[in-house]
Amino acid sequence: MPNIKSAAKRLRSNVKKRLVNRMRKSRIHTSEINLNEEIGSGNKENAVALLSKCFSELDKAAKIGTIHSNKADRKKQRLAARVAKMA
């Protein structure tokens, strides 16, 4: 239990931020799973649409600091390479 008011407020805000970060990471993970399923099925049109959705989720997470921007860029590069390889 915190003894200082600011520490108590920080504790409350950390709980909220942790939930937002977990939600954002879950969205990223779900979009990656959906994209991987489309890559596996071989449907390039749906894969390209899901790729842009996945890019959006990664960019949003990097913008607010849930994940590092370099990690987002690395994931985007690898996913785009997998979609491009479908040809």
Protein backbone atom coordinates (compact mmCIF):
# COMPACT_ATOMS: atom_id res chain seq x y z
CA MET A 1 0.00 0.00 0.00
CA PRO A 2 1.47 3.37 -0.95
CA ASN A 3 1.90 5.98 1.75
CA ILE A 4 2.13 8.96 -0.59
CA LYS A 5 -0.78 10.38 -2.61
CA SER A 6 1.18 10.52 -5.85
CA ALA A 7 2.25 6.89 -5.42
CA ALA A 8 -1.39 5.85 -4.99
CA LYS A 9 -2.36 7.74 -8.13
CA ARG A 10 0.53 6.18 -10.02
CA LEU A 11 -0.67 2.75 -8.90
CA ARG A 12 -4.16 3.45 -10.26
CA SER A 13 -2.87 4.81 -13.57
CA ASN A 14 -0.51 1.86 -14.01
CA VAL A 15 -3.44 -0.54 -13.78
CA LYS A 16 -5.27 1.34 -16.54
CA LYS A 17 -2.20 1.53 -18.75
CA ARG A 18 -1.48 -2.17 -18.27
CA LEU A 19 -5.00 -3.03 -19.45
CA VAL A 20 -4.68 -0.78 -22.52
CA ASN A 21 -1.30 -2.28 -23.40
CA ARG A 22 -2.64 -5.82 -23.00
CA MET A 23 -5.62 -4.99 -25.22
CA ARG A 24 -3.37 -3.48 -27.90
CA LYS A 25 -1.01 -6.48 -27.87
CA SER A 26 -3.97 -8.83 -28.08
CA ARG A 27 -5.26 -6.98 -31.16
CA ILE A 28 -1.83 -7.28 -32.79
CA HIS A 29 -1.67 -10.99 -32.02
CA THR A 30 -5.17 -11.61 -33.36
CA SER A 31 -4.52 -9.72 -36.59
CA GLU A 32 -1.28 -11.67 -37.11
CA ILE A 33 -3.11 -14.98 -36.59
CA ASN A 34 -5.80 -13.99 -39.11
CA LEU A 35 -3.14 -12.94 -41.62
CA ASN A 36 -1.21 -16.18 -41.18
CA GLU A 37 -4.40 -18.18 -41.79
CA GLU A 38 -5.01 -16.31 -45.05
CA ILE A 39 -1.40 -16.83 -46.12
CA GLY A 40 -1.82 -20.53 -45.42
CA SER A 41 -5.02 -20.73 -47.43
CA GLY A 42 -3.36 -18.95 -50.38
CA ASN A 43 -5.93 -16.18 -50.80
CA LYS A 44 -3.78 -13.20 -51.78
CA GLU A 45 -6.57 -10.58 -51.98
CA ASN A 46 -7.71 -11.22 -48.41
CA ALA A 47 -4.10 -11.45 -47.24
CA VAL A 48 -3.32 -7.98 -48.64
CA ALA A 49 -6.40 -6.54 -46.92
CA LEU A 50 -5.46 -8.15 -43.61
CA LEU A 51 -1.86 -6.99 -44.06
CA SER A 52 -2.96 -3.35 -44.07
CA LYS A 53 -5.07 -3.97 -40.94
CA CYS A 54 -2.09 -5.60 -39.25
CA PHE A 55 0.13 -2.65 -40.24
CA SER A 56 -2.40 -0.29 -38.71
CA GLU A 57 -2.48 -2.16 -35.41
CA LEU A 58 1.32 -2.28 -35.25
CA ASP A 59 1.64 1.43 -36.00
CA LYS A 60 -0.93 2.36 -33.36
CA ALA A 61 0.83 0.24 -30.75
CA ALA A 62 4.21 1.77 -31.61
CA LYS A 63 2.77 5.29 -31.54
CA ILE A 64 1.51 5.01 -27.96
CA GLY A 65 4.57 3.07 -26.80
CA THR A 66 3.09 -0.37 -26.22
CA ILE A 67 5.80 -1.87 -28.40
CA HIS A 68 9.02 -0.35 -29.68
CA SER A 69 8.87 1.23 -33.11
CA ASN A 70 11.73 -0.96 -34.35
CA LYS A 71 9.80 -4.08 -33.33
CA ALA A 72 6.76 -2.84 -35.24
CA ASP A 73 8.88 -2.15 -38.32
CA ARG A 74 10.53 -5.56 -38.10
CA LYS A 75 7.17 -7.35 -37.84
CA LYS A 76 5.76 -5.31 -40.73
CA GLN A 77 8.75 -6.15 -42.91
CA ARG A 78 8.53 -9.88 -42.21
CA LEU A 79 4.76 -10.04 -42.74
CA ALA A 80 5.00 -8.09 -46.00
CA ALA A 81 7.72 -10.46 -47.22
CA ARG A 82 5.50 -13.47 -46.49
CA VAL A 83 2.58 -11.93 -48.40
CA ALA A 84 4.83 -10.98 -51.31
CA LYS A 85 6.17 -14.52 -51.47
CA MET A 86 2.63 -15.83 -52.09
CA ALA A 87 2.63 -14.64 -55.76
